[in-house]
N, C-alpha and C. Protein backbone atom coordinates (compact mmCIF):
# COMPACT_ATOMS: atom_id res chain seq x y z
N MET A 1 32.77 4.81 23.96
CA MET A 1 32.43 3.44 24.35
C MET A 1 31.60 2.81 23.25
N GLU A 2 32.03 1.69 22.70
CA GLU A 2 31.25 0.96 21.70
C GLU A 2 30.13 0.21 22.42
N LEU A 3 28.94 0.37 21.93
CA LEU A 3 27.79 -0.27 22.58
C LEU A 3 27.37 -1.50 21.79
N ASN A 4 28.26 -2.47 21.70
CA ASN A 4 27.98 -3.67 20.93
C ASN A 4 27.34 -4.77 21.75
N ASP A 5 27.59 -4.80 23.04
CA ASP A 5 27.06 -5.88 23.88
C ASP A 5 25.80 -5.46 24.62
N LEU A 6 25.10 -4.47 24.11
CA LEU A 6 23.90 -3.95 24.73
C LEU A 6 22.71 -4.82 24.35
N GLY A 7 21.76 -5.01 25.27
CA GLY A 7 20.57 -5.80 24.98
C GLY A 7 19.31 -4.97 25.13
N ILE A 8 18.22 -5.49 24.59
CA ILE A 8 16.92 -4.86 24.73
C ILE A 8 16.58 -4.81 26.22
N GLY A 9 16.06 -3.68 26.67
CA GLY A 9 15.69 -3.54 28.08
C GLY A 9 16.79 -2.97 28.95
N ALA A 10 17.98 -2.78 28.39
CA ALA A 10 19.08 -2.22 29.18
C ALA A 10 18.73 -0.79 29.59
N ARG A 11 19.10 -0.44 30.83
CA ARG A 11 18.91 0.94 31.30
C ARG A 11 20.23 1.67 31.06
N VAL A 12 20.11 2.86 30.47
CA VAL A 12 21.29 3.64 30.14
C VAL A 12 21.14 5.07 30.61
N ALA A 13 22.28 5.76 30.79
CA ALA A 13 22.28 7.17 31.17
C ALA A 13 22.95 7.97 30.06
N HIS A 14 22.26 9.00 29.61
CA HIS A 14 22.76 9.89 28.56
C HIS A 14 23.09 11.22 29.23
N PRO A 15 24.18 11.88 28.86
CA PRO A 15 24.57 13.12 29.55
C PRO A 15 23.55 14.26 29.46
N THR A 16 22.77 14.33 28.39
CA THR A 16 21.80 15.43 28.28
C THR A 16 20.35 14.96 28.28
N LEU A 17 20.10 13.72 27.88
CA LEU A 17 18.72 13.23 27.80
C LEU A 17 18.27 12.51 29.07
N GLY A 18 19.22 12.16 29.93
CA GLY A 18 18.88 11.50 31.18
C GLY A 18 18.88 9.98 31.06
N THR A 19 18.07 9.34 31.93
CA THR A 19 18.02 7.88 31.98
C THR A 19 16.97 7.37 31.00
N GLY A 20 17.32 6.27 30.32
CA GLY A 20 16.40 5.69 29.36
C GLY A 20 16.51 4.18 29.29
N VAL A 21 15.62 3.58 28.49
CA VAL A 21 15.59 2.13 28.33
C VAL A 21 15.72 1.81 26.84
N VAL A 22 16.61 0.87 26.52
CA VAL A 22 16.81 0.44 25.13
C VAL A 22 15.61 -0.39 24.70
N PHE A 23 14.99 0.00 23.56
CA PHE A 23 13.84 -0.76 23.07
C PHE A 23 14.08 -1.38 21.71
N ASP A 24 15.17 -0.99 21.03
CA ASP A 24 15.48 -1.60 19.73
C ASP A 24 16.95 -1.35 19.42
N LEU A 25 17.51 -2.25 18.62
CA LEU A 25 18.91 -2.16 18.24
C LEU A 25 19.05 -2.46 16.76
N ASP A 26 19.97 -1.78 16.11
CA ASP A 26 20.36 -2.18 14.77
C ASP A 26 21.88 -2.06 14.71
N PRO A 27 22.52 -2.42 13.63
CA PRO A 27 23.99 -2.47 13.62
C PRO A 27 24.68 -1.15 13.97
N ARG A 28 24.05 0.00 13.68
CA ARG A 28 24.72 1.28 13.94
C ARG A 28 24.06 2.12 15.01
N THR A 29 22.83 1.75 15.41
CA THR A 29 22.06 2.63 16.29
C THR A 29 21.44 1.88 17.45
N VAL A 30 21.37 2.56 18.59
CA VAL A 30 20.66 2.08 19.77
C VAL A 30 19.43 2.98 19.89
N HIS A 31 18.25 2.37 19.92
CA HIS A 31 17.01 3.15 20.03
C HIS A 31 16.57 3.12 21.49
N ILE A 32 16.47 4.31 22.08
CA ILE A 32 16.24 4.42 23.52
C ILE A 32 15.00 5.26 23.78
N PHE A 33 14.22 4.83 24.78
CA PHE A 33 13.08 5.63 25.21
C PHE A 33 13.48 6.36 26.48
N PHE A 34 13.40 7.70 26.40
CA PHE A 34 13.69 8.55 27.56
C PHE A 34 12.37 9.12 28.07
N LYS A 35 12.19 9.11 29.38
CA LYS A 35 10.94 9.56 29.99
C LYS A 35 10.57 10.98 29.55
N ASP A 36 11.52 11.89 29.55
CA ASP A 36 11.22 13.29 29.23
C ASP A 36 11.41 13.64 27.76
N HIS A 37 12.05 12.78 26.99
CA HIS A 37 12.39 13.12 25.60
C HIS A 37 11.85 12.11 24.59
N GLY A 38 11.14 11.10 25.05
CA GLY A 38 10.56 10.11 24.14
C GLY A 38 11.61 9.23 23.49
N GLU A 39 11.26 8.70 22.31
CA GLU A 39 12.14 7.79 21.59
C GLU A 39 13.24 8.57 20.90
N GLN A 40 14.50 8.13 21.12
CA GLN A 40 15.65 8.81 20.53
C GLN A 40 16.65 7.78 20.01
N PRO A 41 17.13 7.95 18.79
CA PRO A 41 18.20 7.08 18.30
C PRO A 41 19.56 7.62 18.77
N VAL A 42 20.44 6.73 19.17
CA VAL A 42 21.79 7.12 19.60
C VAL A 42 22.78 6.21 18.89
N SER A 43 23.81 6.80 18.33
CA SER A 43 24.83 6.03 17.62
C SER A 43 25.53 5.09 18.60
N ARG A 44 25.84 3.88 18.13
CA ARG A 44 26.56 2.92 18.97
C ARG A 44 27.96 3.44 19.34
N SER A 45 28.49 4.35 18.54
CA SER A 45 29.84 4.87 18.81
C SER A 45 29.82 6.10 19.73
N PHE A 46 28.64 6.53 20.16
CA PHE A 46 28.54 7.68 21.06
C PHE A 46 29.20 7.34 22.39
N GLU A 47 30.17 8.15 22.82
CA GLU A 47 30.96 7.83 24.01
C GLU A 47 30.34 8.30 25.31
N GLY A 48 29.29 9.13 25.26
CA GLY A 48 28.71 9.66 26.48
C GLY A 48 27.62 8.78 27.08
N LEU A 49 27.26 7.69 26.45
CA LEU A 49 26.20 6.81 26.95
C LEU A 49 26.80 5.80 27.92
N ARG A 50 26.16 5.69 29.10
CA ARG A 50 26.66 4.78 30.14
C ARG A 50 25.59 3.75 30.45
N VAL A 51 25.98 2.48 30.53
CA VAL A 51 25.04 1.39 30.84
C VAL A 51 24.89 1.31 32.35
N ILE A 52 23.63 1.42 32.84
CA ILE A 52 23.32 1.34 34.26
C ILE A 52 22.99 -0.10 34.65
N ALA A 53 22.15 -0.74 33.80
CA ALA A 53 21.75 -2.14 34.06
C ALA A 53 21.66 -2.85 32.72
N PRO A 54 22.17 -4.08 32.65
CA PRO A 54 22.15 -4.80 31.37
C PRO A 54 20.73 -5.20 30.96
N GLY A 55 20.56 -5.38 29.69
CA GLY A 55 19.28 -5.85 29.18
C GLY A 55 19.28 -7.36 29.05
N VAL A 56 18.30 -7.87 28.37
CA VAL A 56 18.21 -9.32 28.18
C VAL A 56 18.77 -9.67 26.81
N GLU A 57 19.28 -10.85 26.69
CA GLU A 57 19.75 -11.34 25.40
C GLU A 57 18.53 -11.75 24.60
N VAL A 58 18.38 -11.20 23.43
CA VAL A 58 17.25 -11.54 22.58
C VAL A 58 17.79 -12.29 21.37
N GLU A 59 17.36 -13.53 21.26
CA GLU A 59 17.76 -14.34 20.12
C GLU A 59 16.94 -13.94 18.91
N PRO A 60 17.55 -13.83 17.75
CA PRO A 60 16.76 -13.53 16.56
C PRO A 60 15.79 -14.67 16.27
N GLU A 61 14.59 -14.30 15.84
CA GLU A 61 13.60 -15.33 15.53
C GLU A 61 14.03 -16.10 14.30
N PRO A 62 13.82 -17.42 14.31
CA PRO A 62 14.16 -18.19 13.11
C PRO A 62 13.23 -17.78 11.96
N LEU A 63 13.74 -17.91 10.77
CA LEU A 63 12.97 -17.56 9.59
C LEU A 63 11.80 -18.52 9.45
N ASP A 64 10.60 -17.97 9.47
CA ASP A 64 9.38 -18.76 9.39
C ASP A 64 8.74 -18.54 8.02
N LEU A 65 8.56 -19.60 7.28
CA LEU A 65 8.04 -19.51 5.92
C LEU A 65 6.65 -18.87 5.89
N ASP A 66 5.82 -19.13 6.90
CA ASP A 66 4.50 -18.52 6.94
C ASP A 66 4.59 -17.00 7.08
N HIS A 67 5.54 -16.51 7.89
CA HIS A 67 5.73 -15.06 8.03
C HIS A 67 6.21 -14.45 6.72
N VAL A 68 7.08 -15.17 6.02
CA VAL A 68 7.57 -14.68 4.72
C VAL A 68 6.40 -14.60 3.74
N ARG A 69 5.56 -15.62 3.71
CA ARG A 69 4.39 -15.61 2.81
C ARG A 69 3.45 -14.45 3.15
N ASP A 70 3.21 -14.25 4.44
CA ASP A 70 2.33 -13.14 4.85
C ASP A 70 2.92 -11.80 4.44
N ALA A 71 4.21 -11.63 4.63
CA ALA A 71 4.86 -10.38 4.25
C ALA A 71 4.79 -10.17 2.74
N LEU A 72 4.99 -11.24 1.99
CA LEU A 72 4.91 -11.14 0.53
C LEU A 72 3.50 -10.78 0.09
N ARG A 73 2.50 -11.40 0.71
CA ARG A 73 1.10 -11.06 0.39
C ARG A 73 0.82 -9.58 0.65
N GLU A 74 1.32 -9.07 1.78
CA GLU A 74 1.11 -7.66 2.11
C GLU A 74 1.74 -6.75 1.06
N VAL A 75 2.95 -7.10 0.62
CA VAL A 75 3.61 -6.29 -0.40
C VAL A 75 2.83 -6.33 -1.70
N LEU A 76 2.38 -7.52 -2.09
CA LEU A 76 1.62 -7.64 -3.34
C LEU A 76 0.29 -6.88 -3.25
N GLU A 77 -0.38 -6.95 -2.12
CA GLU A 77 -1.63 -6.20 -1.96
C GLU A 77 -1.36 -4.70 -2.02
N GLU A 78 -0.24 -4.29 -1.45
CA GLU A 78 0.12 -2.87 -1.49
C GLU A 78 0.38 -2.43 -2.92
N LEU A 79 0.99 -3.30 -3.72
CA LEU A 79 1.26 -2.96 -5.12
C LEU A 79 -0.02 -2.86 -5.93
N GLN A 80 -1.06 -3.57 -5.51
CA GLN A 80 -2.33 -3.53 -6.23
C GLN A 80 -3.05 -2.21 -6.02
N THR A 81 -2.82 -1.57 -4.89
CA THR A 81 -3.53 -0.33 -4.60
C THR A 81 -2.91 0.81 -5.39
N PRO A 82 -3.72 1.78 -5.74
CA PRO A 82 -3.16 2.90 -6.51
C PRO A 82 -2.06 3.60 -5.72
N GLN A 83 -1.05 4.09 -6.45
CA GLN A 83 0.06 4.77 -5.81
C GLN A 83 -0.36 6.13 -5.26
N ARG A 84 -1.42 6.67 -5.79
CA ARG A 84 -1.96 7.93 -5.32
C ARG A 84 -3.48 7.81 -5.38
N PRO A 85 -4.18 8.61 -4.61
CA PRO A 85 -5.65 8.49 -4.63
C PRO A 85 -6.21 8.88 -6.00
N VAL A 86 -7.23 8.15 -6.41
CA VAL A 86 -7.91 8.44 -7.67
C VAL A 86 -9.09 9.35 -7.31
N GLU A 87 -9.08 10.54 -7.88
CA GLU A 87 -10.10 11.53 -7.54
C GLU A 87 -11.24 11.50 -8.56
N MET A 88 -12.45 11.64 -8.02
CA MET A 88 -13.62 11.76 -8.86
C MET A 88 -13.73 13.21 -9.31
N ALA A 89 -14.26 13.43 -10.51
CA ALA A 89 -14.44 14.78 -11.03
C ALA A 89 -15.27 15.59 -10.03
N ARG A 90 -14.80 16.78 -9.70
CA ARG A 90 -15.44 17.61 -8.67
C ARG A 90 -16.90 17.92 -8.96
N ARG A 91 -17.24 18.03 -10.22
CA ARG A 91 -18.62 18.41 -10.55
C ARG A 91 -19.64 17.34 -10.16
N TYR A 92 -19.16 16.10 -9.90
CA TYR A 92 -20.08 15.04 -9.50
C TYR A 92 -20.08 14.78 -8.00
N ALA A 93 -19.17 15.41 -7.28
CA ALA A 93 -19.05 15.17 -5.82
C ALA A 93 -20.39 15.45 -5.14
N GLY A 94 -20.82 14.52 -4.32
CA GLY A 94 -22.08 14.66 -3.58
C GLY A 94 -23.31 14.35 -4.40
N GLY A 95 -23.11 14.00 -5.67
CA GLY A 95 -24.24 13.73 -6.55
C GLY A 95 -24.78 12.31 -6.41
N THR A 96 -25.84 12.05 -7.13
CA THR A 96 -26.43 10.71 -7.14
C THR A 96 -26.62 10.27 -8.58
N MET A 97 -26.68 8.98 -8.76
CA MET A 97 -26.98 8.41 -10.05
C MET A 97 -28.36 7.78 -9.93
N GLU A 98 -29.25 8.14 -10.83
CA GLU A 98 -30.61 7.62 -10.78
C GLU A 98 -30.81 6.63 -11.91
N ILE A 99 -31.32 5.47 -11.56
CA ILE A 99 -31.62 4.43 -12.54
C ILE A 99 -33.13 4.31 -12.61
N LYS A 100 -33.68 4.70 -13.77
CA LYS A 100 -35.13 4.72 -13.94
C LYS A 100 -35.58 3.57 -14.83
N PRO A 101 -36.55 2.79 -14.39
CA PRO A 101 -37.09 1.76 -15.27
C PRO A 101 -37.98 2.41 -16.34
N ARG A 102 -38.16 1.74 -17.45
CA ARG A 102 -39.01 2.27 -18.51
C ARG A 102 -40.44 2.42 -18.03
N ASP A 103 -40.90 1.46 -17.24
CA ASP A 103 -42.26 1.50 -16.70
C ASP A 103 -42.32 2.54 -15.58
N ALA A 104 -43.05 3.64 -15.81
CA ALA A 104 -43.13 4.74 -14.85
C ALA A 104 -43.79 4.34 -13.54
N SER A 105 -44.50 3.22 -13.52
CA SER A 105 -45.14 2.79 -12.28
C SER A 105 -44.14 2.11 -11.33
N LEU A 106 -42.97 1.77 -11.86
CA LEU A 106 -41.94 1.15 -11.02
C LEU A 106 -41.05 2.23 -10.42
N LYS A 107 -40.55 1.94 -9.25
CA LYS A 107 -39.73 2.91 -8.52
C LYS A 107 -38.31 2.95 -9.09
N SER A 108 -37.75 4.15 -9.18
CA SER A 108 -36.36 4.30 -9.63
C SER A 108 -35.42 4.04 -8.45
N LYS A 109 -34.17 3.88 -8.77
CA LYS A 109 -33.14 3.60 -7.75
C LYS A 109 -32.10 4.70 -7.82
N GLU A 110 -31.76 5.29 -6.67
CA GLU A 110 -30.70 6.29 -6.60
C GLU A 110 -29.50 5.70 -5.87
N VAL A 111 -28.33 5.95 -6.43
CA VAL A 111 -27.08 5.46 -5.87
C VAL A 111 -26.15 6.66 -5.70
N PRO A 112 -25.52 6.82 -4.54
CA PRO A 112 -24.52 7.90 -4.40
C PRO A 112 -23.43 7.72 -5.46
N ILE A 113 -23.13 8.78 -6.17
CA ILE A 113 -22.16 8.70 -7.27
C ILE A 113 -20.79 8.28 -6.78
N GLU A 114 -20.43 8.64 -5.53
CA GLU A 114 -19.14 8.22 -4.98
C GLU A 114 -19.05 6.70 -4.88
N ASP A 115 -20.17 6.05 -4.49
CA ASP A 115 -20.18 4.59 -4.39
C ASP A 115 -19.99 3.97 -5.78
N PHE A 116 -20.69 4.50 -6.75
CA PHE A 116 -20.58 4.00 -8.12
C PHE A 116 -19.15 4.21 -8.64
N PHE A 117 -18.59 5.38 -8.41
CA PHE A 117 -17.23 5.70 -8.84
C PHE A 117 -16.23 4.74 -8.21
N HIS A 118 -16.41 4.45 -6.92
CA HIS A 118 -15.52 3.52 -6.22
C HIS A 118 -15.55 2.15 -6.90
N LYS A 119 -16.72 1.69 -7.29
CA LYS A 119 -16.84 0.39 -7.97
C LYS A 119 -16.12 0.41 -9.32
N ILE A 120 -16.25 1.51 -10.04
CA ILE A 120 -15.58 1.64 -11.34
C ILE A 120 -14.06 1.60 -11.16
N VAL A 121 -13.55 2.31 -10.15
CA VAL A 121 -12.11 2.32 -9.88
C VAL A 121 -11.63 0.92 -9.49
N MET A 122 -12.44 0.20 -8.70
CA MET A 122 -12.08 -1.16 -8.31
C MET A 122 -11.99 -2.06 -9.55
N ILE A 123 -12.93 -1.92 -10.47
CA ILE A 123 -12.89 -2.72 -11.71
C ILE A 123 -11.61 -2.40 -12.48
N ARG A 124 -11.31 -1.13 -12.62
CA ARG A 124 -10.10 -0.72 -13.34
C ARG A 124 -8.85 -1.31 -12.70
N ASP A 125 -8.76 -1.21 -11.37
CA ASP A 125 -7.58 -1.71 -10.68
C ASP A 125 -7.47 -3.23 -10.77
N ARG A 126 -8.58 -3.92 -10.74
CA ARG A 126 -8.55 -5.38 -10.86
C ARG A 126 -8.18 -5.82 -12.26
N PHE A 127 -8.58 -5.05 -13.26
CA PHE A 127 -8.14 -5.34 -14.62
C PHE A 127 -6.62 -5.18 -14.73
N ARG A 128 -6.09 -4.17 -14.08
CA ARG A 128 -4.64 -3.95 -14.12
C ARG A 128 -3.90 -5.10 -13.46
N VAL A 129 -4.41 -5.58 -12.34
CA VAL A 129 -3.80 -6.73 -11.66
C VAL A 129 -3.90 -7.96 -12.55
N LEU A 130 -5.05 -8.15 -13.18
CA LEU A 130 -5.22 -9.29 -14.09
C LEU A 130 -4.20 -9.22 -15.23
N GLU A 131 -3.99 -8.03 -15.78
CA GLU A 131 -2.98 -7.86 -16.83
C GLU A 131 -1.60 -8.29 -16.33
N GLN A 132 -1.24 -7.84 -15.13
CA GLN A 132 0.06 -8.18 -14.57
C GLN A 132 0.19 -9.69 -14.37
N LYS A 133 -0.86 -10.31 -13.88
CA LYS A 133 -0.80 -11.75 -13.63
C LYS A 133 -0.68 -12.52 -14.94
N ILE A 134 -1.40 -12.08 -15.96
CA ILE A 134 -1.31 -12.75 -17.27
C ILE A 134 0.10 -12.60 -17.82
N ASN A 135 0.63 -11.38 -17.79
CA ASN A 135 1.97 -11.15 -18.34
C ASN A 135 3.06 -11.90 -17.59
N ALA A 136 2.88 -12.12 -16.29
CA ALA A 136 3.89 -12.80 -15.48
C ALA A 136 3.71 -14.32 -15.46
N HIS A 137 2.59 -14.81 -15.96
CA HIS A 137 2.29 -16.24 -15.88
C HIS A 137 3.20 -17.03 -16.81
N THR A 138 3.83 -18.05 -16.27
CA THR A 138 4.77 -18.85 -17.07
C THR A 138 4.07 -19.97 -17.85
N GLY A 139 2.85 -20.29 -17.49
CA GLY A 139 2.15 -21.39 -18.16
C GLY A 139 1.31 -20.96 -19.35
N ILE A 140 1.34 -19.67 -19.67
CA ILE A 140 0.55 -19.16 -20.79
C ILE A 140 1.50 -18.80 -21.92
N SER A 141 1.20 -19.25 -23.12
CA SER A 141 2.06 -18.94 -24.27
C SER A 141 2.00 -17.45 -24.59
N GLU A 142 3.02 -16.97 -25.28
CA GLU A 142 3.06 -15.55 -25.65
C GLU A 142 1.87 -15.18 -26.53
N GLN A 143 1.48 -16.08 -27.42
CA GLN A 143 0.33 -15.81 -28.30
C GLN A 143 -0.94 -15.68 -27.47
N ASP A 144 -1.13 -16.56 -26.50
CA ASP A 144 -2.31 -16.48 -25.63
C ASP A 144 -2.28 -15.21 -24.78
N LYS A 145 -1.09 -14.81 -24.31
CA LYS A 145 -0.97 -13.58 -23.53
C LYS A 145 -1.42 -12.38 -24.35
N VAL A 146 -0.99 -12.33 -25.62
CA VAL A 146 -1.37 -11.23 -26.50
C VAL A 146 -2.88 -11.23 -26.71
N GLU A 147 -3.46 -12.40 -26.93
CA GLU A 147 -4.90 -12.51 -27.14
C GLU A 147 -5.68 -12.05 -25.90
N LEU A 148 -5.25 -12.49 -24.72
CA LEU A 148 -5.92 -12.08 -23.48
C LEU A 148 -5.74 -10.59 -23.24
N GLN A 149 -4.56 -10.07 -23.56
CA GLN A 149 -4.30 -8.63 -23.39
C GLN A 149 -5.23 -7.83 -24.30
N GLN A 150 -5.44 -8.29 -25.53
CA GLN A 150 -6.33 -7.58 -26.45
C GLN A 150 -7.77 -7.61 -25.93
N TYR A 151 -8.16 -8.72 -25.32
CA TYR A 151 -9.51 -8.82 -24.76
C TYR A 151 -9.68 -7.81 -23.61
N ILE A 152 -8.68 -7.71 -22.76
CA ILE A 152 -8.74 -6.75 -21.65
C ILE A 152 -8.78 -5.32 -22.19
N THR A 153 -8.01 -5.05 -23.23
CA THR A 153 -8.02 -3.71 -23.84
C THR A 153 -9.41 -3.38 -24.37
N ARG A 154 -10.09 -4.36 -24.96
CA ARG A 154 -11.46 -4.13 -25.44
C ARG A 154 -12.41 -3.88 -24.26
N CYS A 155 -12.16 -4.54 -23.13
CA CYS A 155 -12.97 -4.29 -21.93
C CYS A 155 -12.75 -2.85 -21.45
N TYR A 156 -11.50 -2.41 -21.46
CA TYR A 156 -11.21 -1.01 -21.11
C TYR A 156 -11.99 -0.08 -22.03
N GLY A 157 -11.99 -0.41 -23.32
CA GLY A 157 -12.71 0.41 -24.29
C GLY A 157 -14.19 0.50 -23.96
N SER A 158 -14.78 -0.60 -23.50
CA SER A 158 -16.20 -0.60 -23.13
C SER A 158 -16.45 0.29 -21.91
N LEU A 159 -15.44 0.48 -21.09
CA LEU A 159 -15.60 1.26 -19.87
C LEU A 159 -15.24 2.74 -20.05
N THR A 160 -14.83 3.16 -21.25
CA THR A 160 -14.45 4.56 -21.46
C THR A 160 -15.63 5.50 -21.25
N THR A 161 -16.85 4.99 -21.31
CA THR A 161 -18.05 5.80 -21.04
C THR A 161 -17.95 6.47 -19.68
N PHE A 162 -17.30 5.81 -18.73
CA PHE A 162 -17.23 6.31 -17.37
C PHE A 162 -16.07 7.26 -17.14
N ASN A 163 -15.29 7.58 -18.17
CA ASN A 163 -14.15 8.48 -18.02
C ASN A 163 -14.56 9.87 -17.54
N ILE A 164 -15.81 10.27 -17.78
CA ILE A 164 -16.26 11.59 -17.33
C ILE A 164 -16.23 11.71 -15.81
N LEU A 165 -16.21 10.59 -15.12
CA LEU A 165 -16.21 10.61 -13.66
C LEU A 165 -14.82 10.87 -13.06
N PHE A 166 -13.75 10.71 -13.86
CA PHE A 166 -12.40 10.85 -13.36
C PHE A 166 -11.93 12.30 -13.45
N GLU A 167 -11.36 12.80 -12.36
CA GLU A 167 -10.82 14.16 -12.34
C GLU A 167 -9.60 14.28 -13.24
N ASP A 168 -8.68 13.31 -13.14
CA ASP A 168 -7.44 13.35 -13.91
C ASP A 168 -7.51 12.42 -15.12
N LYS A 169 -7.13 12.93 -16.26
CA LYS A 169 -7.17 12.17 -17.51
C LYS A 169 -6.32 10.90 -17.42
N GLU A 170 -5.20 10.97 -16.69
CA GLU A 170 -4.31 9.81 -16.60
C GLU A 170 -4.93 8.63 -15.84
N ASP A 171 -6.01 8.86 -15.11
CA ASP A 171 -6.69 7.78 -14.39
C ASP A 171 -7.75 7.09 -15.24
N GLN A 172 -8.08 7.66 -16.39
CA GLN A 172 -9.17 7.17 -17.21
C GLN A 172 -8.86 5.84 -17.90
N PHE A 173 -9.93 5.20 -18.37
CA PHE A 173 -9.81 3.98 -19.16
C PHE A 173 -9.33 4.35 -20.55
N VAL A 174 -8.48 3.52 -21.12
CA VAL A 174 -8.03 3.71 -22.48
C VAL A 174 -8.25 2.41 -23.22
N GLY A 175 -9.05 2.47 -24.28
CA GLY A 175 -9.32 1.27 -25.07
C GLY A 175 -8.35 1.20 -26.24
N GLN A 176 -8.69 0.35 -27.20
CA GLN A 176 -7.88 0.19 -28.40
C GLN A 176 -8.04 1.42 -29.27
N LYS A 177 -6.92 2.00 -29.65
CA LYS A 177 -6.95 3.20 -30.48
C LYS A 177 -6.93 2.80 -31.94
N GLY A 178 -7.70 3.54 -32.72
CA GLY A 178 -7.73 3.28 -34.16
C GLY A 178 -6.42 3.66 -34.80
N GLU A 179 -6.06 2.98 -35.87
CA GLU A 179 -4.81 3.27 -36.56
C GLU A 179 -5.05 4.20 -37.72
N GLY A 180 -4.08 5.12 -37.93
CA GLY A 180 -4.08 6.01 -39.08
C GLY A 180 -5.08 7.04 -38.97
């Protein structure tokens, strides 16, 4: 039996899974919730499925530009996040960073090293996003893009001091390399 005219909410009987309710449909699959077996996908071409009660007709939602913008923002934000977690060097885990003023009568400040490391990683990731935005920008000339890219590379070079905090070398800052 082809299950093409099935709607969301339809009650169906499966020969081995029992009675269930359709909660989602796609072109090839009927997604059914069975009381004893949970959510199960069933092929629309499966001949053992019997419709007990019809579901409701669900009209597809019209394309809403605001939803498209929100979805695009979510994808872009996801692309900004690291593809894998950036690990801090194990030898610093649980440590603190102490900032001491020259004047011994003034109190020093201790910061958990993990907090400081997180800020450094955020700076690195934001520089990467800035690079992508500059390179993709249509209103900036190629010469200006190169100049801005060189400036960012010099900023990376200034941050190489903090490379000791990174567990993996590939996560570290890389500045401008000398030639020859």
